[in-house]
C-alpha cells in the first residue's frame, strides 16, 4: 500500500510515462494509485481496436515476480485467471516421444498468457483511474532527462506536443528513445548484443475444438544449437517459436526444404500444424533478432527506465515481463519509504539496487538458452536436477534449485547467481557420488531418529564457509 505521506504530498506531481506496453501500463497504474497526475503516451493506436498488432507476440510466462506486481494494484486475480498453468517442460525427441520435467514442486507452475491480451487487460486497468490519461498515436521524438521535458509527435497529424514533467518514465522498449536521450544527458555504461540467434513464430491449431498437445506444459523440441517451443493459448491453440542461428534460417529457401527440415527434427509438430500451413507461416514473415541490453545507471535527474528500456533480455528464462513488473515494485518500495521530495535519492537508490539484478537476469537468460536447446537432454543435467530436488526436500530453507529461485521466489537475481555458485562449489568439493551416498545415510538416520537435521545443517554450514 502507498504511504499516506506520499499520497498527501505528491498528488500534484506530473508523471509522463512513455510507452503503453505491459510495464508502462503497470507503472502508470502505480503512480495513479498514489494520486499523481499521470499521462501515458503510446506511439501505436489503441491495440484493443486493432485486428492485427505489429511487433513481438511471443507468449508471456508469468511467475511469482510478475504476479506480485499485479497483486499490488489488486489486478492479480482478474488477469491471471486468463492464463493457462504450465507445471512442466515437456520434451519432444525426433520421433515424437514426450518426457516431462517438472519446473519445481507439484504445486508450482508458471502461467502462459497472450501478450496482446495481457496488454489489453492492463490498459483496461489504467483507464479506471480518473487521474490517468492515455494518449495513443504519440511517438517520443526528444526527451530532456534533466528537465523532464518530452517532445512527442502525433503520428496522425504530424503535430509536435511538448510536455513538462516532474518525472519521465521510460517504458518505450529495447530501442528506447528515452534511454538514447539519457545516454546524451549523462555518462551511462551501455551494452547490447545479438548473440542468441533469431526466432520465427508459428502456430499449432486446435484439433476437434481442443488442444492438439497436452496443455499444462511448456513444450520444447531441443535440438542442440536450435529448438522449437510451444505455449498453450486460451483458444486451444499453441503459439510456437522456432529459435535458430540466422544462417540456418537462410538455408531453408524452398517449401521442400522447410518440410524436409521439420520432417527430420520436428515431425510431430509439423503433423499438427499441417505441411501447407507450416510453409505458409514460415515464409509469411522474416526471422526476428534477439537482443540483450544492459545499462548503468537506470535513471537521470528527472527520468527512470523500466523494463526493456533498461534491460532487454532474451526470452529463455521467461523473465522479461516478470523482471519489468518487479522493477516497478522495487521502485515504489523505495519511493513509498522516502517520498517524492527526496526523488534524487530515490532514483539513486533504485539504480544501486536494480542494476546488479538486471545484469544478473540478462546473464541467466542467455545461459538458459543452452539449457533449453541442449542440456535438458543430457545425463549430467538430469542428475544435477535430481540432486537439487533431493537437497531441497531435505533442506528447503538452505538449498533451493536455481530455477526455483528465479521463477518461484523474489530472491534478488544477483543473489541467485551468488547462491548457485556456492552450490556448485559444494558439489564440486564433495563430489556427486559422495553427495548422494552421504546424504542418503544422513536422511535415513534423521528419519529413523526423527531428527531436525541439525547435524546435516552443520555439515553444509561447514562446506559453505
Protein backbone atom coordinates (compact mmCIF):
# COMPACT_ATOMS: atom_id res chain seq x y z
CA UNK A 1 0.00 0.00 0.00
CA UNK A 2 1.27 3.53 -0.76
CA UNK A 3 2.23 5.60 2.24
CA UNK A 4 -0.17 8.33 3.44
CA UNK A 5 2.66 10.88 3.34
CA UNK A 6 3.26 10.09 -0.32
CA UNK A 7 -0.43 10.39 -1.14
CA UNK A 8 -0.78 13.79 0.54
CA UNK A 9 2.44 15.49 -0.57
CA UNK A 10 2.84 14.16 -4.08
CA UNK A 11 -0.66 14.30 -5.56
CA UNK A 12 0.09 17.27 -7.87
CA UNK A 13 3.32 15.91 -9.30
CA UNK A 14 3.14 15.36 -13.06
CA UNK A 15 4.30 11.99 -14.33
CA UNK A 16 4.86 11.24 -18.02
CA UNK A 17 5.02 7.54 -18.91
CA UNK A 18 6.47 6.82 -22.36
CA UNK A 19 5.15 3.55 -23.73
CA UNK A 20 1.81 1.84 -23.02
CA UNK A 21 3.10 -1.70 -23.29
CA UNK A 22 2.96 -4.09 -20.35
CA UNK A 23 5.33 -2.32 -17.95
CA UNK A 24 4.25 1.17 -18.99
CA UNK A 25 0.63 0.41 -18.15
CA UNK A 26 1.59 -1.12 -14.81
CA UNK A 27 3.85 1.81 -13.87
CA UNK A 28 1.10 4.29 -14.80
CA UNK A 29 -1.35 2.43 -12.55
CA UNK A 30 1.10 2.54 -9.63
CA UNK A 31 1.55 6.31 -9.97
CA UNK A 32 -2.18 6.89 -10.40
CA UNK A 33 -2.88 4.74 -7.33
CA UNK A 34 -0.83 7.28 -5.37
CA UNK A 35 -2.77 10.27 -6.74
CA UNK A 36 -0.12 11.60 -9.11
CA UNK A 37 -1.21 13.36 -12.29
CA UNK A 38 -0.30 10.71 -14.88
CA UNK A 39 -0.23 10.81 -18.66
CA UNK A 40 0.54 7.59 -20.52
CA UNK A 41 1.77 8.05 -24.11
CA UNK A 42 1.82 5.31 -26.74
CA UNK A 43 3.08 5.56 -30.34
CA UNK A 44 0.65 2.90 -31.60
CA UNK A 45 -3.09 3.15 -31.92
CA UNK A 46 -5.24 1.53 -29.25
CA UNK A 47 -4.47 -2.19 -29.66
CA UNK A 48 -7.92 -3.05 -28.31
CA UNK A 49 -9.35 -1.68 -31.56
CA UNK A 50 -6.82 -3.31 -33.90
CA UNK A 51 -7.27 -6.60 -35.75
CA UNK A 52 -3.53 -7.26 -36.03
CA UNK A 53 -0.86 -5.87 -33.71
CA UNK A 54 2.61 -5.45 -35.20
CA UNK A 55 5.66 -6.47 -33.18
CA UNK A 56 6.57 -9.36 -30.93
CA UNK A 57 3.89 -11.80 -29.85
CA UNK A 58 5.86 -14.50 -28.01
CA UNK A 59 3.60 -15.63 -25.19
CA UNK A 60 4.28 -14.38 -21.69
CA UNK A 61 5.28 -16.86 -18.99
CA UNK A 62 4.10 -15.21 -15.80
CA UNK A 63 5.56 -16.28 -12.47
CA UNK A 64 5.92 -15.01 -8.89
CA UNK A 65 7.65 -11.71 -9.64
CA UNK A 66 5.11 -10.69 -12.26
CA UNK A 67 2.16 -11.72 -10.13
CA UNK A 68 3.45 -9.63 -7.24
CA UNK A 69 3.40 -6.59 -9.48
CA UNK A 70 -0.25 -7.18 -10.35
CA UNK A 71 -1.21 -8.01 -6.78
CA UNK A 72 -0.25 -4.54 -5.57
CA UNK A 73 -2.86 -2.89 -7.79
CA UNK A 74 -5.42 -5.62 -6.97
CA UNK A 75 -5.33 -6.94 -10.54
CA UNK A 76 -3.70 -10.34 -9.99
CA UNK A 77 -6.83 -12.48 -9.91
CA UNK A 78 -8.56 -10.74 -12.82
CA UNK A 79 -5.52 -11.14 -15.06
CA UNK A 80 -4.03 -14.48 -14.01
CA UNK A 81 -7.43 -16.17 -14.28
CA UNK A 82 -6.99 -15.75 -18.05
CA UNK A 83 -3.69 -17.64 -18.09
CA UNK A 84 -3.02 -21.36 -18.56
CA UNK A 85 -1.00 -23.15 -15.90
CA UNK A 86 2.17 -24.94 -17.02
CA UNK A 87 3.72 -27.32 -14.50
CA UNK A 88 6.49 -28.94 -16.53
CA UNK A 89 8.71 -28.75 -19.55
CA UNK A 90 7.50 -31.40 -22.00
CA UNK A 91 10.49 -32.54 -24.03
CA UNK A 92 9.94 -33.97 -27.54
CA UNK A 93 12.52 -36.18 -29.23
CA UNK A 94 12.92 -36.50 -33.01
CA UNK A 95 10.46 -39.43 -33.08
CA UNK A 96 7.69 -37.53 -31.30
CA UNK A 97 8.14 -39.22 -27.93
CA UNK A 98 7.48 -36.95 -24.94
CA UNK A 99 9.04 -36.73 -21.48
CA UNK A 100 8.00 -34.22 -18.82
CA UNK A 101 10.43 -32.43 -16.49
CA UNK A 102 8.71 -30.58 -13.58
CA UNK A 103 9.63 -26.94 -13.02
CA UNK A 104 9.58 -27.40 -9.27
CA UNK A 105 7.25 -28.95 -6.74
CA UNK A 106 3.97 -30.42 -7.93
CA UNK A 107 2.07 -27.28 -6.94
CA UNK A 108 4.45 -24.86 -8.66
CA UNK A 109 3.60 -23.63 -12.14
CA UNK A 110 4.06 -20.70 -14.49
CA UNK A 111 1.21 -19.11 -16.44
CA UNK A 112 1.06 -18.89 -20.22
CA UNK A 113 -0.75 -15.71 -21.23
CA UNK A 114 -1.03 -13.99 -24.59
CA UNK A 115 1.00 -10.75 -24.76
CA UNK A 116 -1.70 -8.77 -26.54
CA UNK A 117 -4.45 -9.97 -24.23
CA UNK A 118 -2.38 -9.08 -21.16
CA UNK A 119 -1.66 -5.63 -22.60
CA UNK A 120 -5.36 -5.06 -23.24
CA UNK A 121 -6.25 -6.05 -19.68
CA UNK A 122 -3.65 -3.65 -18.28
CA UNK A 123 -4.94 -0.83 -20.48
CA UNK A 124 -8.38 -1.52 -19.05
CA UNK A 125 -6.93 -1.29 -15.54
CA UNK A 126 -5.22 2.01 -16.37
CA UNK A 127 -8.46 3.52 -17.65
CA UNK A 128 -10.10 3.01 -14.27
CA UNK A 129 -8.10 5.87 -12.72
CA UNK A 130 -9.60 9.36 -13.17
CA UNK A 131 -6.17 10.98 -12.76
CA UNK A 132 -4.62 8.88 -15.56
CA UNK A 133 -4.88 9.97 -19.21
CA UNK A 134 -3.86 7.75 -22.14
CA UNK A 135 -2.70 9.38 -25.37
CA UNK A 136 -2.35 6.98 -28.31
CA UNK A 137 -0.53 7.74 -31.58
CA UNK A 138 2.16 9.80 -29.85
CA UNK A 139 5.79 8.96 -30.58
CA UNK A 140 8.68 10.19 -28.43
CA UNK A 141 10.94 12.44 -30.52
CA UNK A 142 13.11 14.07 -27.86
CA UNK A 143 13.46 13.87 -24.12
CA UNK A 144 15.47 16.07 -21.78
CA UNK A 145 16.13 13.79 -18.83
CA UNK A 146 17.50 16.70 -16.79
CA UNK A 147 14.44 18.97 -17.05
CA UNK A 148 11.65 16.44 -17.62
CA UNK A 149 10.62 17.96 -20.95
CA UNK A 150 9.42 15.48 -23.58
CA UNK A 151 8.51 16.26 -27.18
CA UNK A 152 6.05 13.89 -28.85
CA UNK A 153 4.89 13.69 -32.43
CA UNK A 154 1.23 12.98 -33.06
CA UNK A 155 1.58 10.27 -35.72
CA UNK A 156 -1.86 11.03 -37.15
CA UNK A 157 -1.46 14.80 -37.61
CA UNK A 158 2.32 15.25 -37.55
CA UNK A 159 1.90 17.90 -34.85
CA UNK A 160 4.53 18.19 -32.11
CA UNK A 161 3.39 18.13 -28.49
CA UNK A 162 5.65 19.44 -25.70
CA UNK A 163 5.12 18.07 -22.17
CA UNK A 164 6.82 19.21 -18.96
CA UNK A 165 7.04 16.61 -16.20
CA UNK A 166 8.29 16.17 -12.68
CA UNK A 167 9.40 12.68 -13.69
CA UNK A 168 9.66 10.86 -17.03
CA UNK A 169 9.22 7.08 -17.02
CA UNK A 170 10.95 5.35 -19.95
CA UNK A 171 8.99 2.23 -20.87
CA UNK A 172 9.45 2.51 -24.63
CA UNK A 173 11.18 -0.80 -25.23
CA UNK A 174 14.55 -2.18 -26.25
CA UNK A 175 15.17 0.62 -28.76
CA UNK A 176 14.08 3.26 -26.25
CA UNK A 177 14.23 6.92 -27.31
CA UNK A 178 14.16 7.91 -23.64
CA UNK A 179 17.26 5.79 -22.98
CA UNK A 180 19.01 7.26 -26.01
CA UNK A 181 18.31 10.72 -24.57
CA UNK A 182 19.67 9.62 -21.20
CA UNK A 183 22.90 8.49 -22.88
CA UNK A 184 23.33 12.02 -24.22
CA UNK A 185 22.50 13.73 -20.93
CA UNK A 186 24.86 11.86 -18.58
CA UNK A 187 27.57 9.17 -18.57
CA UNK A 188 25.88 5.77 -18.87
CA UNK A 189 27.52 2.38 -19.31
CA UNK A 190 25.62 0.71 -22.13
CA UNK A 191 25.91 -2.67 -23.83
CA UNK A 192 23.90 -4.57 -26.42
CA UNK A 193 24.45 -7.89 -28.15
CA UNK A 194 22.75 -10.06 -30.77
CA UNK A 195 24.49 -13.31 -29.90
CA UNK A 196 21.48 -15.54 -29.19
CA UNK A 197 20.15 -16.13 -32.68
CA UNK A 198 16.84 -15.37 -34.36
CA UNK A 199 13.25 -16.51 -33.94
CA UNK A 200 10.18 -17.16 -36.07
CA UNK A 201 6.67 -17.62 -34.76
CA UNK A 202 4.41 -20.49 -35.85
CA UNK A 203 1.12 -21.94 -34.62
CA UNK A 204 -0.45 -25.30 -33.83
CA UNK A 205 -4.23 -25.01 -34.27
CA UNK A 206 -6.87 -26.76 -32.12
CA UNK A 207 -7.96 -30.24 -33.18
CA UNK A 208 -11.65 -31.05 -32.82
CA UNK A 209 -12.14 -27.98 -30.67
CA UNK A 210 -9.44 -28.80 -28.11
CA UNK A 211 -5.67 -28.77 -27.59
CA UNK A 212 -3.58 -30.79 -30.04
CA UNK A 213 -0.96 -31.39 -27.30
CA UNK A 214 -1.21 -31.78 -23.51
CA UNK A 215 -1.87 -28.17 -22.43
CA UNK A 216 -0.37 -27.82 -18.96
CA UNK A 217 3.21 -27.86 -20.16
CA UNK A 218 5.75 -25.72 -21.98
CA UNK A 219 6.62 -27.96 -24.92
CA UNK A 220 10.26 -27.99 -26.06
CA UNK A 221 11.91 -29.69 -29.01
CA UNK A 222 15.63 -29.34 -28.02
CA UNK A 223 18.00 -29.97 -30.92
CA UNK A 224 21.50 -28.91 -29.87
CA UNK A 225 22.06 -25.43 -31.29
CA UNK A 226 18.40 -24.75 -32.15
CA UNK A 227 14.96 -25.55 -30.74
CA UNK A 228 11.20 -25.19 -31.09
CA UNK A 229 8.92 -24.29 -28.18
CA UNK A 230 5.12 -24.18 -27.84
CA UNK A 231 2.93 -22.47 -25.23
CA UNK A 232 -0.85 -23.04 -24.86
CA UNK A 233 -3.45 -20.35 -25.53
CA UNK A 234 -6.98 -19.77 -24.30
CA UNK A 235 -8.38 -20.55 -27.78
CA UNK A 236 -6.89 -24.10 -27.57
CA UNK A 237 -4.09 -23.31 -29.99
CA UNK A 238 -0.35 -23.30 -29.27
CA UNK A 239 1.96 -20.40 -30.03
CA UNK A 240 5.19 -21.95 -31.34
CA UNK A 241 8.54 -20.23 -31.66
CA UNK A 242 11.47 -21.57 -33.67
CA UNK A 243 14.86 -20.37 -32.38
CA UNK A 244 17.86 -20.83 -34.66
CA UNK A 245 21.01 -19.12 -35.91
CA UNK A 246 20.28 -16.86 -38.88
CA UNK A 247 22.41 -18.98 -41.21
CA UNK A 248 20.11 -21.96 -40.57
CA UNK A 249 17.04 -19.89 -41.43
CA UNK A 250 18.80 -18.72 -44.60
CA UNK A 251 19.38 -22.31 -45.72
CA UNK A 252 15.66 -23.05 -45.81
CA UNK A 253 14.71 -21.26 -49.03
CA UNK A 254 12.04 -23.52 -50.54
CA UNK A 255 8.89 -25.27 -49.37
CA UNK A 256 10.51 -28.68 -49.82
CA UNK A 257 13.50 -27.66 -47.71
CA UNK A 258 11.25 -26.47 -44.88
CA UNK A 259 9.19 -29.67 -44.93
CA UNK A 260 12.32 -31.84 -45.07
CA UNK A 261 13.84 -29.93 -42.14
CA UNK A 262 10.73 -30.28 -39.99
CA UNK A 263 10.31 -33.92 -41.03
CA UNK A 264 13.78 -34.58 -39.64
CA UNK A 265 13.68 -32.54 -36.46
CA UNK A 266 10.07 -31.67 -35.53
CA UNK A 267 7.90 -34.27 -37.24
CA UNK A 268 5.16 -34.35 -34.59
CA UNK A 269 4.87 -30.56 -34.55
CA UNK A 270 4.74 -30.45 -38.36
CA UNK A 271 1.97 -33.04 -38.48
CA UNK A 272 -0.10 -30.96 -36.05
CA UNK A 273 0.49 -27.73 -37.98
CA UNK A 274 -0.10 -29.29 -41.38
CA UNK A 275 2.52 -29.09 -44.12
CA UNK A 276 0.78 -26.43 -46.20
CA UNK A 277 0.08 -24.27 -43.14
CA UNK A 278 3.67 -24.67 -41.93
CA UNK A 279 5.11 -23.50 -45.23
CA UNK A 280 2.71 -20.56 -45.39
CA UNK A 281 3.58 -19.46 -41.84
CA UNK A 282 7.30 -19.93 -42.37
CA UNK A 283 7.51 -17.70 -45.43
CA UNK A 284 4.91 -15.14 -44.34
CA UNK A 285 7.44 -13.21 -42.24
CA UNK A 286 11.17 -12.85 -41.73
CA UNK A 287 13.03 -14.16 -38.65
CA UNK A 288 13.44 -11.55 -35.93
CA UNK A 289 16.63 -10.94 -33.99
CA UNK A 290 17.05 -11.45 -30.25
CA UNK A 291 18.75 -8.62 -28.42
CA UNK A 292 20.24 -8.37 -24.95
CA UNK A 293 20.73 -4.88 -23.47
CA UNK A 294 22.13 -3.62 -20.18
CA UNK A 295 22.82 -0.12 -18.94
CA UNK A 296 24.03 1.53 -15.75
CA UNK A 297 22.53 3.59 -14.19
CA UNK A 298 18.80 3.27 -14.89
CA UNK A 299 18.00 6.90 -14.09
CA UNK A 300 18.68 10.53 -14.90
CA UNK A 301 17.88 13.68 -12.93
CA UNK A 302 14.19 13.53 -13.87
CA UNK A 303 13.97 10.16 -15.57
CA UNK A 304 13.89 6.46 -14.74
CA UNK A 305 13.87 3.42 -17.04
CA UNK A 306 11.78 0.29 -16.53
CA UNK A 307 11.65 -2.99 -18.44
CA UNK A 308 13.30 -3.44 -21.83
CA UNK A 309 14.30 0.23 -21.89
CA UNK A 310 16.75 -0.58 -19.09
CA UNK A 311 17.45 -4.29 -19.60
CA UNK A 312 16.15 -6.07 -22.68
CA UNK A 313 16.81 -9.78 -22.35
CA UNK A 314 16.45 -12.90 -24.45
CA UNK A 315 13.25 -14.84 -23.62
CA UNK A 316 14.75 -18.11 -22.46
CA UNK A 317 14.08 -17.71 -18.75
CA UNK A 318 10.63 -16.23 -19.28
CA UNK A 319 11.63 -13.34 -17.01
CA UNK A 320 11.45 -10.28 -19.27
CA UNK A 321 7.95 -9.26 -18.23
CA UNK A 322 8.37 -10.61 -14.69
CA UNK A 323 11.56 -8.61 -14.19
CA UNK A 324 9.94 -5.48 -15.67
CA UNK A 325 6.99 -5.74 -13.29
CA UNK A 326 9.41 -6.24 -10.41
CA UNK A 327 11.22 -3.05 -11.49
CA UNK A 328 8.01 -1.18 -10.71
CA UNK A 329 7.54 -2.96 -7.39
CA UNK A 330 11.11 -2.22 -6.27
CA UNK A 331 10.93 1.43 -7.37
CA UNK A 332 7.75 2.05 -5.41
CA UNK A 333 9.03 0.25 -2.34
CA UNK A 334 11.82 2.85 -2.32
CA UNK A 335 9.61 5.80 -3.30
CA UNK A 336 6.97 5.00 -0.67
CA UNK A 337 9.62 4.83 2.03
CA UNK A 338 11.45 8.04 1.06
CA UNK A 339 8.81 10.24 -0.63
CA UNK A 340 8.92 12.26 -3.85
CA UNK A 341 10.53 15.22 -2.06
CA UNK A 342 13.66 13.03 -1.98
CA UNK A 343 13.33 11.90 -5.60
CA UNK A 344 17.07 12.38 -6.30
CA UNK A 345 17.90 9.90 -3.54
CA UNK A 346 15.05 7.61 -4.60
CA UNK A 347 16.39 7.39 -8.14
CA UNK A 348 19.96 6.86 -6.97
CA UNK A 349 18.96 4.09 -4.59
CA UNK A 350 16.80 2.46 -7.23
CA UNK A 351 19.68 2.19 -9.70
CA UNK A 352 22.06 0.96 -7.00
CA UNK A 353 19.52 -1.74 -6.10
CA UNK A 354 18.25 -2.74 -9.51
CA UNK A 355 21.23 -2.57 -11.87
CA UNK A 356 23.05 -5.62 -10.40
CA UNK A 357 19.84 -7.64 -10.59
CA UNK A 358 19.09 -6.56 -14.16
CA UNK A 359 22.60 -7.54 -15.26
CA UNK A 360 22.24 -10.88 -13.47
CA UNK A 361 18.95 -11.92 -15.09
CA UNK A 362 20.21 -10.91 -18.54
CA UNK A 363 23.15 -13.24 -17.99
CA UNK A 364 20.92 -16.03 -16.64
CA UNK A 365 18.58 -15.73 -19.63
CA UNK A 366 21.43 -16.26 -22.08
CA UNK A 367 22.71 -19.24 -20.08
CA UNK A 368 19.25 -20.81 -20.04
CA UNK A 369 19.20 -20.98 -23.84
CA UNK A 370 21.95 -23.59 -23.64
CA UNK A 371 19.91 -25.49 -21.07
CA UNK A 372 16.71 -25.47 -23.11
CA UNK A 373 18.16 -26.30 -26.52
CA UNK A 374 20.66 -28.94 -25.37
CA UNK A 375 21.45 -29.53 -21.69
CA UNK A 376 17.94 -30.74 -20.76
CA UNK A 377 18.68 -33.88 -22.79
CA UNK A 378 21.99 -34.72 -21.07
CA UNK A 379 22.55 -37.15 -18.20
CA UNK A 380 24.53 -34.57 -16.25
CA UNK A 381 21.62 -32.11 -16.30
CA UNK A 382 19.12 -34.76 -15.20
CA UNK A 383 21.41 -35.96 -12.41
CA UNK A 384 22.01 -32.41 -11.14
CA UNK A 385 18.27 -31.69 -11.16
CA UNK A 386 17.59 -34.81 -9.11
CA UNK A 387 20.31 -33.85 -6.65
CA UNK A 388 18.98 -30.29 -6.32
CA UNK A 389 15.45 -31.57 -5.72
CA UNK A 390 16.68 -34.09 -3.16
CA UNK A 391 18.65 -31.48 -1.25
CA UNK A 392 15.76 -29.05 -1.43
CA UNK A 393 13.40 -31.64 0.05
CA UNK A 394 15.90 -32.36 2.81
CA UNK A 395 16.92 -28.75 3.47
CA UNK A 396 14.25 -26.48 1.96
CA UNK A 397 15.48 -23.32 3.69
CA UNK A 398 19.11 -23.91 2.77
CA UNK A 399 19.28 -25.49 -0.68
CA UNK A 400 16.96 -24.01 -3.32
CA UNK A 401 17.30 -25.05 -7.00
CA UNK A 402 18.33 -22.33 -9.45
CA UNK A 403 15.08 -22.35 -11.43
CA UNK A 404 13.03 -22.17 -8.24
CA UNK A 405 14.98 -19.15 -7.00
CA UNK A 406 14.48 -17.33 -10.29
CA UNK A 407 10.88 -18.27 -11.03
CA UNK A 408 9.14 -19.10 -7.76
CA UNK A 409 10.69 -16.57 -5.39
CA UNK A 410 11.59 -12.90 -5.17
CA UNK A 411 15.20 -13.58 -4.19
CA UNK A 412 17.27 -10.90 -5.89
CA UNK A 413 18.64 -12.10 -9.23
CA UNK A 414 22.17 -11.11 -8.21
CA UNK A 415 21.82 -13.18 -5.04
CA UNK A 416 20.52 -16.11 -7.13
CA UNK A 417 23.77 -16.21 -9.09
CA UNK A 418 25.82 -15.98 -5.90
CA UNK A 419 23.83 -18.80 -4.29
CA UNK A 420 24.22 -21.01 -7.35
CA UNK A 421 27.98 -20.51 -7.35
CA UNK A 422 28.12 -21.61 -3.72
CA UNK A 423 26.04 -24.68 -4.52
CA UNK A 424 28.35 -25.56 -7.40
CA UNK A 425 31.33 -25.16 -5.10
CA UNK A 426 29.82 -27.51 -2.52
CA UNK A 427 29.03 -30.17 -5.11
CA UNK A 428 32.48 -29.87 -6.63
CA UNK A 429 34.07 -30.17 -3.18
CA UNK A 430 32.03 -33.14 -2.04
CA UNK A 431 31.65 -34.88 -5.39
CA UNK A 432 28.50 -36.28 -6.98
CA UNK A 433 28.75 -39.83 -5.66
CA UNK A 434 29.71 -38.69 -2.19
CA UNK A 435 26.75 -36.27 -2.13
CA UNK A 436 24.23 -38.99 -2.84
CA UNK A 437 25.73 -41.62 -0.54
CA UNK A 438 26.38 -39.29 2.41
CA UNK A 439 23.04 -37.51 2.13
CA UNK A 440 21.13 -40.77 1.82
CA UNK A 441 22.74 -42.02 5.02
CA UNK A 442 22.07 -38.74 6.81
CA UNK A 443 18.49 -38.69 5.56
CA UNK A 444 17.84 -42.25 6.69
CA UNK A 445 19.43 -41.58 10.07
CA UNK A 446 17.43 -38.40 10.55
CA UNK A 447 14.20 -40.11 9.59
CA UNK A 448 14.80 -43.03 11.97
CA UNK A 449 15.75 -40.73 14.84
CA UNK A 450 13.14 -38.09 13.95
CA UNK A 451 15.98 -35.61 13.92
CA UNK A 452 15.63 -31.96 12.95
CA UNK A 453 18.56 -32.33 10.53
CA UNK A 454 20.81 -30.15 12.72
CA UNK A 455 23.79 -32.42 12.03
CA UNK A 456 23.25 -32.10 8.29
CA UNK A 457 22.82 -28.35 8.57
CA UNK A 458 26.13 -28.08 10.42
CA UNK A 459 27.75 -30.18 7.72
CA UNK A 460 26.60 -27.80 4.98
CA UNK A 461 27.42 -24.71 7.01
CA UNK A 462 30.96 -26.00 7.22
CA UNK A 463 31.15 -26.51 3.45
CA UNK A 464 29.52 -23.14 2.84
CA UNK A 465 32.35 -21.24 4.56
